Amino acid sequence: VAATVAPGLMGRTVAGELNVAMVAGLAQFATTF
C-alpha cells in the first residue's frame, strides 16, 4: 500500500542509491528469516 499510495515517501533516498522502498523490500526478506 505504501508503494502505491505514497511513491514520494518510498522514493526518498536513504543513502546513495538506496531508497526507502529498497530498505523496506529487504526488510521483508529479513522478516521472513
Full PDB file with SEQRES, HELIX, SHEET, SSBOND, CRYST1, ORIGX, SCALE, CONECT and MASTER records, all heavy atoms in Angstrom:
SEQRES   1 A   33  VAL ALA ALA THR VAL ALA PRO GLY LEU MET GLY ARG THR          
SEQRES   2 A   33  VAL ALA GLY GLU LEU ASN VAL ALA MET VAL ALA GLY LEU          
SEQRES   3 A   33  ALA GLN PHE ALA THR THR PHE                                  
HELIX    1 AA1 ALA A    2  VAL A    5  1                                   4    
HELIX    2 AA2 PRO A    7  MET A   10  1                                   4    
HELIX    3 AA3 VAL A   20  THR A   32  1                                  13    
SHEET    1 AA1 2 THR A  13  ALA A  15  0                                        
SHEET    2 AA1 2 LEU A  18  ASN A  19 -1                                        
CRYST1    1.000    1.000    1.000  90.00  90.00  90.00 P 1           1          
ORIGX1      1.000000  0.000000  0.000000        0.00000                         
ORIGX2      0.000000  1.000000  0.000000        0.00000                         
ORIGX3      0.000000  0.000000  1.000000        0.00000                         
SCALE1      1.000000  0.000000  0.000000        0.00000                         
SCALE2      0.000000  1.000000  0.000000        0.00000                         
SCALE3      0.000000  0.000000  1.000000        0.00000                         
ATOM      1  N   VAL A   1       0.838  -1.197   0.000  1.00  0.00           N  
ATOM      2  CA  VAL A   1       0.000   0.000   0.000  1.00  0.00           C  
ATOM      3  C   VAL A   1       0.874   1.250   0.000  1.00  0.00           C  
ATOM      4  O   VAL A   1       0.601   2.217  -0.733  1.00  0.00           O  
ATOM      5  CB  VAL A   1      -0.979  -0.017   1.198  1.00  0.00           C  
ATOM      6  CG1 VAL A   1      -1.655   1.331   1.395  1.00  0.00           C  
ATOM      7  CG2 VAL A   1      -2.013  -1.108   1.005  1.00  0.00           C  
ATOM      8  N   ALA A   2       1.922   1.269   0.786  1.00  0.00           N  
ATOM      9  CA  ALA A   2       2.813   2.437   0.821  1.00  0.00           C  
ATOM     10  C   ALA A   2       3.482   2.648  -0.536  1.00  0.00           C  
ATOM     11  O   ALA A   2       3.675   3.794  -0.964  1.00  0.00           O  
ATOM     12  CB  ALA A   2       3.874   2.252   1.905  1.00  0.00           C  
ATOM     13  N   ALA A   3       3.818   1.565  -1.213  1.00  0.00           N  
ATOM     14  CA  ALA A   3       4.452   1.683  -2.527  1.00  0.00           C  
ATOM     15  C   ALA A   3       3.493   2.287  -3.551  1.00  0.00           C  
ATOM     16  O   ALA A   3       3.931   3.008  -4.458  1.00  0.00           O  
ATOM     17  CB  ALA A   3       4.947   0.327  -3.002  1.00  0.00           C  
ATOM     18  N   THR A   4       2.195   2.013  -3.424  1.00  0.00           N  
ATOM     19  CA  THR A   4       1.232   2.543  -4.396  1.00  0.00           C  
ATOM     20  C   THR A   4       0.663   3.886  -3.998  1.00  0.00           C  
ATOM     21  O   THR A   4       0.412   4.734  -4.851  1.00  0.00           O  
ATOM     22  CB  THR A   4       0.073   1.544  -4.608  1.00  0.00           C  
ATOM     23  OG1 THR A   4      -0.549   1.281  -3.356  1.00  0.00           O  
ATOM     24  CG2 THR A   4       0.564   0.258  -5.217  1.00  0.00           C  
ATOM     25  N   VAL A   5       0.466   4.126  -2.704  1.00  0.00           N  
ATOM     26  CA  VAL A   5      -0.175   5.357  -2.238  1.00  0.00           C  
ATOM     27  C   VAL A   5       0.839   6.475  -1.987  1.00  0.00           C  
ATOM     28  O   VAL A   5       0.529   7.648  -2.201  1.00  0.00           O  
ATOM     29  CB  VAL A   5      -0.991   5.068  -0.955  1.00  0.00           C  
ATOM     30  CG1 VAL A   5      -1.544   6.330  -0.341  1.00  0.00           C  
ATOM     31  CG2 VAL A   5      -2.111   4.093  -1.242  1.00  0.00           C  
ATOM     32  N   ALA A   6       2.015   6.128  -1.519  1.00  0.00           N  
ATOM     33  CA  ALA A   6       2.998   7.147  -1.151  1.00  0.00           C  
ATOM     34  C   ALA A   6       4.303   6.936  -1.917  1.00  0.00           C  
ATOM     35  O   ALA A   6       5.347   6.634  -1.316  1.00  0.00           O  
ATOM     36  CB  ALA A   6       3.246   7.106   0.350  1.00  0.00           C  
ATOM     37  N   PRO A   7       4.292   7.131  -3.248  1.00  0.00           N  
ATOM     38  CA  PRO A   7       5.535   6.920  -4.003  1.00  0.00           C  
ATOM     39  C   PRO A   7       6.625   7.925  -3.630  1.00  0.00           C  
ATOM     40  O   PRO A   7       7.809   7.612  -3.717  1.00  0.00           O  
ATOM     41  CB  PRO A   7       5.110   7.057  -5.456  1.00  0.00           C  
ATOM     42  CG  PRO A   7       3.824   7.797  -5.430  1.00  0.00           C  
ATOM     43  CD  PRO A   7       3.184   7.503  -4.116  1.00  0.00           C  
ATOM     44  N   GLY A   8       6.221   9.109  -3.187  1.00  0.00           N  
ATOM     45  CA  GLY A   8       7.218  10.103  -2.766  1.00  0.00           C  
ATOM     46  C   GLY A   8       7.990   9.633  -1.541  1.00  0.00           C  
ATOM     47  O   GLY A   8       9.211   9.789  -1.469  1.00  0.00           O  
ATOM     48  N   LEU A   9       7.265   9.070  -0.585  1.00  0.00           N  
ATOM     49  CA  LEU A   9       7.914   8.548   0.622  1.00  0.00           C  
ATOM     50  C   LEU A   9       8.812   7.359   0.280  1.00  0.00           C  
ATOM     51  O   LEU A   9       9.954   7.283   0.741  1.00  0.00           O  
ATOM     52  CB  LEU A   9       6.860   8.106   1.648  1.00  0.00           C  
ATOM     53  CG  LEU A   9       7.396   7.325   2.853  1.00  0.00           C  
ATOM     54  CD1 LEU A   9       8.229   8.233   3.739  1.00  0.00           C  
ATOM     55  CD2 LEU A   9       6.272   6.683   3.612  1.00  0.00           C  
ATOM     56  N   MET A  10       8.301   6.438  -0.520  1.00  0.00           N  
ATOM     57  CA  MET A  10       9.076   5.248  -0.857  1.00  0.00           C  
ATOM     58  C   MET A  10      10.287   5.573  -1.731  1.00  0.00           C  
ATOM     59  O   MET A  10      11.278   4.852  -1.701  1.00  0.00           O  
ATOM     60  CB  MET A  10       8.194   4.221  -1.567  1.00  0.00           C  
ATOM     61  CG  MET A  10       7.033   3.731  -0.715  1.00  0.00           C  
ATOM     62  SD  MET A  10       7.557   2.931   0.792  1.00  0.00           S  
ATOM     63  CE  MET A  10       7.711   1.271   0.211  1.00  0.00           C  
ATOM     64  N   GLY A  11      10.221   6.673  -2.477  1.00  0.00           N  
ATOM     65  CA  GLY A  11      11.342   7.053  -3.337  1.00  0.00           C  
ATOM     66  C   GLY A  11      12.378   7.908  -2.638  1.00  0.00           C  
ATOM     67  O   GLY A  11      13.417   8.236  -3.217  1.00  0.00           O  
ATOM     68  N   ARG A  12      12.133   8.269  -1.389  1.00  0.00           N  
ATOM     69  CA  ARG A  12      13.076   9.113  -0.649  1.00  0.00           C  
ATOM     70  C   ARG A  12      14.392   8.373  -0.447  1.00  0.00           C  
ATOM     71  O   ARG A  12      14.439   7.218  -0.035  1.00  0.00           O  
ATOM     72  CB  ARG A  12      12.467   9.483   0.705  1.00  0.00           C  
ATOM     73  CG  ARG A  12      13.337  10.470   1.468  1.00  0.00           C  
ATOM     74  CD  ARG A  12      12.648  11.031   2.676  1.00  0.00           C  
ATOM     75  NE  ARG A  12      11.529  11.871   2.219  1.00  0.00           N  
ATOM     76  CZ  ARG A  12      10.445  12.094   2.933  1.00  0.00           C  
ATOM     77  NH1 ARG A  12      10.308  11.553   4.123  1.00  0.00           N  
ATOM     78  NH2 ARG A  12       9.489  12.866   2.467  1.00  0.00           N  
ATOM     79  N   THR A  13      15.477   9.050  -0.730  1.00  0.00           N  
ATOM     80  CA  THR A  13      16.812   8.461  -0.639  1.00  0.00           C  
ATOM     81  C   THR A  13      17.224   8.293   0.817  1.00  0.00           C  
ATOM     82  O   THR A  13      17.067   9.196   1.634  1.00  0.00           O  
ATOM     83  CB  THR A  13      17.835   9.343  -1.368  1.00  0.00           C  
ATOM     84  OG1 THR A  13      17.418   9.495  -2.722  1.00  0.00           O  
ATOM     85  CG2 THR A  13      19.204   8.725  -1.334  1.00  0.00           C  
ATOM     86  N   VAL A  14      17.775   7.124   1.113  1.00  0.00           N  
ATOM     87  CA  VAL A  14      18.281   6.842   2.458  1.00  0.00           C  
ATOM     88  C   VAL A  14      19.792   7.036   2.478  1.00  0.00           C  
ATOM     89  O   VAL A  14      20.322   7.745   3.324  1.00  0.00           O  
ATOM     90  CB  VAL A  14      17.909   5.407   2.895  1.00  0.00           C  
ATOM     91  CG1 VAL A  14      18.543   5.055   4.217  1.00  0.00           C  
ATOM     92  CG2 VAL A  14      16.410   5.243   2.950  1.00  0.00           C  
ATOM     93  N   ALA A  15      20.475   6.405   1.534  1.00  0.00           N  
ATOM     94  CA  ALA A  15      21.929   6.523   1.428  1.00  0.00           C  
ATOM     95  C   ALA A  15      22.333   6.171   0.001  1.00  0.00           C  
ATOM     96  O   ALA A  15      22.061   5.066  -0.462  1.00  0.00           O  
ATOM     97  CB  ALA A  15      22.628   5.595   2.417  1.00  0.00           C  
ATOM     98  N   GLY A  16      22.943   7.091  -0.687  1.00  0.00           N  
ATOM     99  CA  GLY A  16      23.385   6.834  -2.061  1.00  0.00           C  
ATOM    100  C   GLY A  16      22.197   6.529  -2.960  1.00  0.00           C  
ATOM    101  O   GLY A  16      21.265   7.300  -3.064  1.00  0.00           O  
ATOM    102  N   GLU A  17      22.232   5.372  -3.602  1.00  0.00           N  
ATOM    103  CA  GLU A  17      21.132   4.945  -4.484  1.00  0.00           C  
ATOM    104  C   GLU A  17      20.053   4.166  -3.733  1.00  0.00           C  
ATOM    105  O   GLU A  17      19.058   3.761  -4.317  1.00  0.00           O  
ATOM    106  CB  GLU A  17      21.688   4.063  -5.610  1.00  0.00           C  
ATOM    107  CG  GLU A  17      22.622   4.788  -6.556  1.00  0.00           C  
ATOM    108  CD  GLU A  17      21.903   5.851  -7.376  1.00  0.00           C  
ATOM    109  OE1 GLU A  17      20.772   5.595  -7.835  1.00  0.00           O  
ATOM    110  OE2 GLU A  17      22.473   6.938  -7.528  1.00  0.00           O  
ATOM    111  N   LEU A  18      20.239   3.963  -2.456  1.00  0.00           N  
ATOM    112  CA  LEU A  18      19.311   3.182  -1.642  1.00  0.00           C  
ATOM    113  C   LEU A  18      18.161   4.064  -1.181  1.00  0.00           C  
ATOM    114  O   LEU A  18      18.374   5.088  -0.528  1.00  0.00           O  
ATOM    115  CB  LEU A  18      20.070   2.612  -0.437  1.00  0.00           C  
ATOM    116  CG  LEU A  18      19.401   1.514   0.364  1.00  0.00           C  
ATOM    117  CD1 LEU A  18      19.229   0.266  -0.500  1.00  0.00           C  
ATOM    118  CD2 LEU A  18      20.242   1.183   1.576  1.00  0.00           C  
ATOM    119  N   ASN A  19      16.914   3.655  -1.498  1.00  0.00           N  
ATOM    120  CA  ASN A  19      15.764   4.439  -1.072  1.00  0.00           C  
ATOM    121  C   ASN A  19      14.923   3.664  -0.061  1.00  0.00           C  
ATOM    122  O   ASN A  19      15.215   2.510   0.260  1.00  0.00           O  
ATOM    123  CB  ASN A  19      14.926   4.883  -2.287  1.00  0.00           C  
ATOM    124  CG  ASN A  19      14.358   3.728  -3.064  1.00  0.00           C  
ATOM    125  OD1 ASN A  19      14.252   2.622  -2.566  1.00  0.00           O  
ATOM    126  ND2 ASN A  19      13.989   3.986  -4.314  1.00  0.00           N  
ATOM    127  N   VAL A  20      13.869   4.285   0.432  1.00  0.00           N  
ATOM    128  CA  VAL A  20      13.020   3.686   1.466  1.00  0.00           C  
ATOM    129  C   VAL A  20      12.379   2.396   0.955  1.00  0.00           C  
ATOM    130  O   VAL A  20      12.275   1.415   1.695  1.00  0.00           O  
ATOM    131  CB  VAL A  20      11.945   4.697   1.931  1.00  0.00           C  
ATOM    132  CG1 VAL A  20      10.946   4.044   2.874  1.00  0.00           C  
ATOM    133  CG2 VAL A  20      12.592   5.900   2.602  1.00  0.00           C  
ATOM    134  N   ALA A  21      11.949   2.364  -0.302  1.00  0.00           N  
ATOM    135  CA  ALA A  21      11.315   1.168  -0.856  1.00  0.00           C  
ATOM    136  C   ALA A  21      12.285  -0.015  -0.862  1.00  0.00           C  
ATOM    137  O   ALA A  21      11.893  -1.145  -0.554  1.00  0.00           O  
ATOM    138  CB  ALA A  21      10.815   1.443  -2.270  1.00  0.00           C  
ATOM    139  N   MET A  22      13.536   0.225  -1.210  1.00  0.00           N  
ATOM    140  CA  MET A  22      14.522  -0.858  -1.217  1.00  0.00           C  
ATOM    141  C   MET A  22      14.790  -1.368   0.197  1.00  0.00           C  
ATOM    142  O   MET A  22      14.883  -2.575   0.417  1.00  0.00           O  
ATOM    143  CB  MET A  22      15.827  -0.394  -1.857  1.00  0.00           C  
ATOM    144  CG  MET A  22      15.749  -0.196  -3.330  1.00  0.00           C  
ATOM    145  SD  MET A  22      17.350   0.397  -3.893  1.00  0.00           S  
ATOM    146  CE  MET A  22      17.220   0.134  -5.629  1.00  0.00           C  
ATOM    147  N   VAL A  23      14.887  -0.449   1.141  1.00  0.00           N  
ATOM    148  CA  VAL A  23      15.114  -0.844   2.533  1.00  0.00           C  
ATOM    149  C   VAL A  23      13.932  -1.668   3.039  1.00  0.00           C  
ATOM    150  O   VAL A  23      14.110  -2.721   3.672  1.00  0.00           O  
ATOM    151  CB  VAL A  23      15.353   0.393   3.426  1.00  0.00           C  
ATOM    152  CG1 VAL A  23      15.355   0.013   4.887  1.00  0.00           C  
ATOM    153  CG2 VAL A  23      16.656   1.074   3.047  1.00  0.00           C  
ATOM    154  N   ALA A  24      12.702  -1.198   2.746  1.00  0.00           N  
ATOM    155  CA  ALA A  24      11.518  -1.942   3.179  1.00  0.00           C  
ATOM    156  C   ALA A  24      11.433  -3.298   2.487  1.00  0.00           C  
ATOM    157  O   ALA A  24      11.047  -4.296   3.105  1.00  0.00           O  
ATOM    158  CB  ALA A  24      10.262  -1.124   2.912  1.00  0.00           C  
ATOM    159  N   GLY A  25      11.790  -3.373   1.210  1.00  0.00           N  
ATOM    160  CA  GLY A  25      11.782  -4.647   0.498  1.00  0.00           C  
ATOM    161  C   GLY A  25      12.795  -5.619   1.075  1.00  0.00           C  
ATOM    162  O   GLY A  25      12.495  -6.814   1.244  1.00  0.00           O  
ATOM    163  N   LEU A  26      13.988  -5.136   1.391  1.00  0.00           N  
ATOM    164  CA  LEU A  26      14.996  -6.000   2.023  1.00  0.00           C  
ATOM    165  C   LEU A  26      14.557  -6.401   3.434  1.00  0.00           C  
ATOM    166  O   LEU A  26      14.852  -7.515   3.885  1.00  0.00           O  
ATOM    167  CB  LEU A  26      16.352  -5.301   2.053  1.00  0.00           C  
ATOM    168  CG  LEU A  26      17.001  -5.118   0.669  1.00  0.00           C  
ATOM    169  CD1 LEU A  26      18.251  -4.240   0.789  1.00  0.00           C  
ATOM    170  CD2 LEU A  26      17.337  -6.452   0.040  1.00  0.00           C  
ATOM    171  N   ALA A  27      13.847  -5.504   4.103  1.00  0.00           N  
ATOM    172  CA  ALA A  27      13.329  -5.829   5.433  1.00  0.00           C  
ATOM    173  C   ALA A  27      12.293  -6.951   5.358  1.00  0.00           C  
ATOM    174  O   ALA A  27      12.128  -7.720   6.310  1.00  0.00           O  
ATOM    175  CB  ALA A  27      12.735  -4.601   6.098  1.00  0.00           C  
ATOM    176  N   GLN A  28      11.589  -7.070   4.223  1.00  0.00           N  
ATOM    177  CA  GLN A  28      10.652  -8.179   4.041  1.00  0.00           C  
ATOM    178  C   GLN A  28      11.404  -9.521   4.097  1.00  0.00           C  
ATOM    179  O   GLN A  28      10.940 -10.465   4.730  1.00  0.00           O  
ATOM    180  CB  GLN A  28       9.927  -8.061   2.696  1.00  0.00           C  
ATOM    181  CG  GLN A  28       8.948  -6.930   2.604  1.00  0.00           C  
ATOM    182  CD  GLN A  28       7.670  -7.210   3.349  1.00  0.00           C  
ATOM    183  OE1 GLN A  28       7.177  -8.329   3.361  1.00  0.00           O  
ATOM    184  NE2 GLN A  28       7.151  -6.180   3.988  1.00  0.00           N  
ATOM    185  N   PHE A  29      12.556  -9.569   3.433  1.00  0.00           N  
ATOM    186  CA  PHE A  29      13.367 -10.790   3.475  1.00  0.00           C  
ATOM    187  C   PHE A  29      13.867 -11.059   4.897  1.00  0.00           C  
ATOM    188  O   PHE A  29      13.813 -12.191   5.382  1.00  0.00           O  
ATOM    189  CB  PHE A  29      14.557 -10.690   2.520  1.00  0.00           C  
ATOM    190  CG  PHE A  29      14.190 -10.833   1.086  1.00  0.00           C  
ATOM    191  CD1 PHE A  29      14.138  -9.720   0.270  1.00  0.00           C  
ATOM    192  CD2 PHE A  29      13.886 -12.073   0.553  1.00  0.00           C  
ATOM    193  CE1 PHE A  29      13.793  -9.840  -1.062  1.00  0.00           C  
ATOM    194  CE2 PHE A  29      13.538 -12.210  -0.779  1.00  0.00           C  
ATOM    195  CZ  PHE A  29      13.486 -11.092  -1.594  1.00  0.00           C  
ATOM    196  N   ALA A  30      14.351 -10.026   5.558  1.00  0.00           N  
ATOM    197  CA  ALA A  30      14.845 -10.186   6.929  1.00  0.00           C  
ATOM    198  C   ALA A  30      13.722 -10.663   7.844  1.00  0.00           C  
ATOM    199  O   ALA A  30      13.929 -11.535   8.700  1.00  0.00           O  
ATOM    200  CB  ALA A  30      15.439  -8.874   7.432  1.00  0.00           C  
ATOM    201  N   THR A  31      12.528 -10.113   7.668  1.00  0.00           N  
ATOM    202  CA  THR A  31      11.393 -10.517   8.481  1.00  0.00           C  
ATOM    203  C   THR A  31      11.045 -11.983   8.237  1.00  0.00           C  
ATOM    204  O   THR A  31      10.708 -12.711   9.174  1.00  0.00           O  
ATOM    205  CB  THR A  31      10.175  -9.631   8.176  1.00  0.00           C  
ATOM    206  OG1 THR A  31      10.532  -8.267   8.368  1.00  0.00           O  
ATOM    207  CG2 THR A  31       9.009  -9.958   9.074  1.00  0.00           C  
ATOM    208  N   THR A  32      11.126 -12.427   6.998  1.00  0.00           N  
ATOM    209  CA  THR A  32      10.843 -13.831   6.678  1.00  0.00           C  
ATOM    210  C   THR A  32      11.814 -14.753   7.404  1.00  0.00           C  
ATOM    211  O   THR A  32      11.399 -15.749   8.014  1.00  0.00           O  
ATOM    212  CB  THR A  32      10.940 -14.063   5.160  1.00  0.00           C  
ATOM    213  OG1 THR A  32      10.022 -13.206   4.500  1.00  0.00           O  
ATOM    214  CG2 THR A  32      10.650 -15.508   4.804  1.00  0.00           C  
ATOM    215  N   PHE A  33      13.099 -14.433   7.370  1.00  0.00           N  
ATOM    216  CA  PHE A  33      14.089 -15.265   8.058  1.00  0.00           C  
ATOM    217  C   PHE A  33      13.896 -15.213   9.575  1.00  0.00           C  
ATOM    218  O   PHE A  33      13.999 -16.236  10.252  1.00  0.00           O  
ATOM    219  CB  PHE A  33      15.509 -14.851   7.681  1.00  0.00           C  
ATOM    220  CG  PHE A  33      15.867 -15.208   6.274  1.00  0.00           C  
ATOM    221  CD1 PHE A  33      16.104 -14.228   5.336  1.00  0.00           C  
ATOM    222  CD2 PHE A  33      15.938 -16.536   5.874  1.00  0.00           C  
ATOM    223  CE1 PHE A  33      16.422 -14.556   4.021  1.00  0.00           C  
ATOM    224  CE2 PHE A  33      16.253 -16.880   4.574  1.00  0.00           C  
ATOM    225  CZ  PHE A  33      16.496 -15.881   3.645  1.00  0.00           C  
TER     226      PHE A  33                                                      
MASTER        0    0    0    3    2    0    0    6  225    1    0    3          
END                                                                             
